[in-house]
Amino acid sequence: MRPVDLIVRFEWVTVAALAIVCYAISGFSWWLFALLILAPDLSMLGYLAGPSVGAVTYNALHILIAPLVLLLAGALLAGPITTAVALIWIAHIAIDRALGYGLKLPTGFQDTHLGRIGRDRNSKASELSS
């Protein structure tokens, strides 16, 4: 792994930790956290309709724009549930990125903006560099 990759992963670990600390400080329910932390991954069901649709549905729930807008709305409107959901969503995305899971490309689930994931990532990378 390149040093820059480690830095980027550390940044995402920091974002995840910050979201979780803010969640804890706010006194939100850990049951809600446990219930919703993997909810964005339901977007993978889009892959049942093919890789292009799957990439769109997955990416729609794995970009920071929506949870950041939700977080802002929760703060401005004093909506504790809205804020809690936004922090959980941000934590999910940050944990995914820290683990190397990126936004999906329409060519297949294993193809992400951070590179190929999965067991055959090294064999595919060597094929591409040949």
Protein backbone atom coordinates (compact mmCIF):
# COMPACT_ATOMS: atom_id res chain seq x y z
CA MET A 1 0.00 0.00 0.00
CA ARG A 2 1.33 3.44 -0.94
CA PRO A 3 1.91 6.04 1.79
CA VAL A 4 -0.72 8.32 0.26
CA ASP A 5 -3.28 5.48 0.52
CA LEU A 6 -2.50 5.18 4.23
CA ILE A 7 -3.00 8.91 4.69
CA VAL A 8 -6.36 8.82 2.92
CA ARG A 9 -7.48 5.84 4.98
CA PHE A 10 -6.38 7.62 8.17
CA GLU A 11 -8.45 10.63 7.13
CA TRP A 12 -11.53 8.43 6.81
CA VAL A 13 -10.82 6.76 10.17
CA THR A 14 -10.74 10.26 11.63
CA VAL A 15 -14.09 11.16 10.03
CA ALA A 16 -15.64 7.93 11.32
CA ALA A 17 -14.29 8.54 14.83
CA LEU A 18 -15.55 12.12 14.79
CA ALA A 19 -19.04 11.06 13.69
CA ILE A 20 -19.17 8.38 16.38
CA VAL A 21 -17.87 10.73 19.09
CA CYS A 22 -20.46 13.37 18.11
CA TYR A 23 -23.12 10.66 18.21
CA ALA A 24 -22.02 9.58 21.70
CA ILE A 25 -21.80 13.13 23.05
CA SER A 26 -25.31 13.83 21.78
CA GLY A 27 -26.65 10.95 23.85
CA PHE A 28 -28.41 9.19 21.01
CA SER A 29 -29.52 5.56 21.33
CA TRP A 30 -26.88 2.93 20.61
CA TRP A 31 -29.73 0.61 19.62
CA LEU A 32 -30.53 3.03 16.79
CA PHE A 33 -26.86 3.07 15.82
CA ALA A 34 -26.71 -0.74 15.73
CA LEU A 35 -29.95 -0.90 13.75
CA LEU A 36 -28.92 1.63 11.08
CA ILE A 37 -25.14 1.33 10.71
CA LEU A 38 -25.44 -1.18 7.86
CA ALA A 39 -28.65 0.25 6.34
CA PRO A 40 -26.86 2.02 3.45
CA ASP A 41 -25.65 -1.39 2.26
CA LEU A 42 -29.23 -2.30 1.37
CA SER A 43 -28.48 -0.24 -1.73
CA MET A 44 -26.52 -3.27 -3.00
CA LEU A 45 -29.88 -4.79 -3.88
CA GLY A 46 -29.69 -2.62 -7.00
CA TYR A 47 -27.15 -5.10 -8.32
CA LEU A 48 -30.04 -7.53 -8.83
CA ALA A 49 -30.93 -5.31 -11.81
CA GLY A 50 -27.37 -5.35 -13.16
CA PRO A 51 -24.04 -3.64 -12.53
CA SER A 52 -25.01 -0.23 -13.92
CA VAL A 53 -28.17 0.07 -11.83
CA GLY A 54 -26.33 -1.40 -8.85
CA ALA A 55 -23.56 1.19 -9.11
CA VAL A 56 -26.10 4.03 -9.20
CA THR A 57 -28.10 2.75 -6.21
CA TYR A 58 -24.98 1.93 -4.19
CA ASN A 59 -23.33 5.27 -4.92
CA ALA A 60 -26.52 7.20 -4.12
CA LEU A 61 -26.27 6.03 -0.51
CA HIS A 62 -22.47 6.10 -0.25
CA ILE A 63 -21.66 9.73 -1.06
CA LEU A 64 -21.38 12.32 1.69
CA ILE A 65 -23.66 14.95 0.11
CA ALA A 66 -26.98 13.55 1.37
CA PRO A 67 -25.93 12.82 4.98
CA LEU A 68 -24.18 16.20 5.25
CA VAL A 69 -27.36 17.98 4.07
CA LEU A 70 -29.33 15.85 6.53
CA LEU A 71 -26.89 16.78 9.32
CA LEU A 72 -27.28 20.46 8.50
CA ALA A 73 -31.07 20.13 8.45
CA GLY A 74 -30.99 18.36 11.81
CA ALA A 75 -28.83 21.12 13.29
CA LEU A 76 -30.88 24.00 11.85
CA LEU A 77 -34.26 22.48 12.65
CA ALA A 78 -33.21 21.02 16.01
CA GLY A 79 -34.15 17.55 14.79
CA PRO A 80 -32.42 14.99 17.01
CA ILE A 81 -33.50 11.93 14.98
CA THR A 82 -32.41 13.61 11.75
CA THR A 83 -29.03 14.43 13.31
CA ALA A 84 -28.64 10.90 14.68
CA VAL A 85 -29.40 9.29 11.31
CA ALA A 86 -26.99 11.66 9.55
CA LEU A 87 -24.15 10.86 11.96
CA ILE A 88 -24.73 7.11 11.59
CA TRP A 89 -24.77 7.46 7.80
CA ILE A 90 -21.56 9.52 7.82
CA ALA A 91 -19.90 6.94 10.10
CA HIS A 92 -20.93 4.14 7.71
CA ILE A 93 -19.48 5.90 4.67
CA ALA A 94 -16.27 6.80 6.50
CA ILE A 95 -15.77 3.24 7.77
CA ASP A 96 -16.28 1.91 4.23
CA ARG A 97 -13.68 4.31 2.82
CA ALA A 98 -11.24 3.55 5.64
CA LEU A 99 -11.54 -0.14 4.73
CA GLY A 100 -10.86 0.67 1.07
CA TYR A 101 -14.42 0.38 -0.27
CA GLY A 102 -15.03 3.13 -2.77
CA LEU A 103 -17.84 4.31 -4.98
CA LYS A 104 -18.77 1.68 -7.53
CA LEU A 105 -18.08 1.82 -11.24
CA PRO A 106 -20.72 0.50 -13.67
CA THR A 107 -18.40 -2.30 -14.80
CA GLY A 108 -18.96 -4.40 -11.68
CA PHE A 109 -19.26 -4.43 -7.89
CA GLN A 110 -15.52 -5.04 -7.42
CA ASP A 111 -14.57 -2.00 -9.49
CA THR A 112 -14.42 1.18 -7.38
CA HIS A 113 -12.97 4.66 -7.62
CA LEU A 114 -10.33 3.51 -5.13
CA GLY A 115 -9.37 0.47 -7.22
CA ARG A 116 -10.51 -3.11 -7.47
CA ILE A 117 -11.67 -4.88 -4.30
CA GLY A 118 -12.03 -8.55 -3.47
CA ARG A 119 -9.96 -11.69 -3.73
CA ASP A 120 -8.99 -11.24 -7.38
CA ARG A 121 -7.98 -7.56 -7.14
CA ASN A 122 -4.26 -8.29 -7.55
CA SER A 123 -4.75 -10.58 -10.55
CA LYS A 124 -6.98 -8.02 -12.27
CA ALA A 125 -4.51 -5.20 -11.49
CA SER A 126 -1.65 -7.21 -12.99
CA GLU A 127 -3.75 -7.89 -16.10
CA LEU A 128 -4.43 -4.18 -16.52
CA SER A 129 -0.76 -3.23 -16.13
CA SER A 130 0.39 -5.82 -18.70
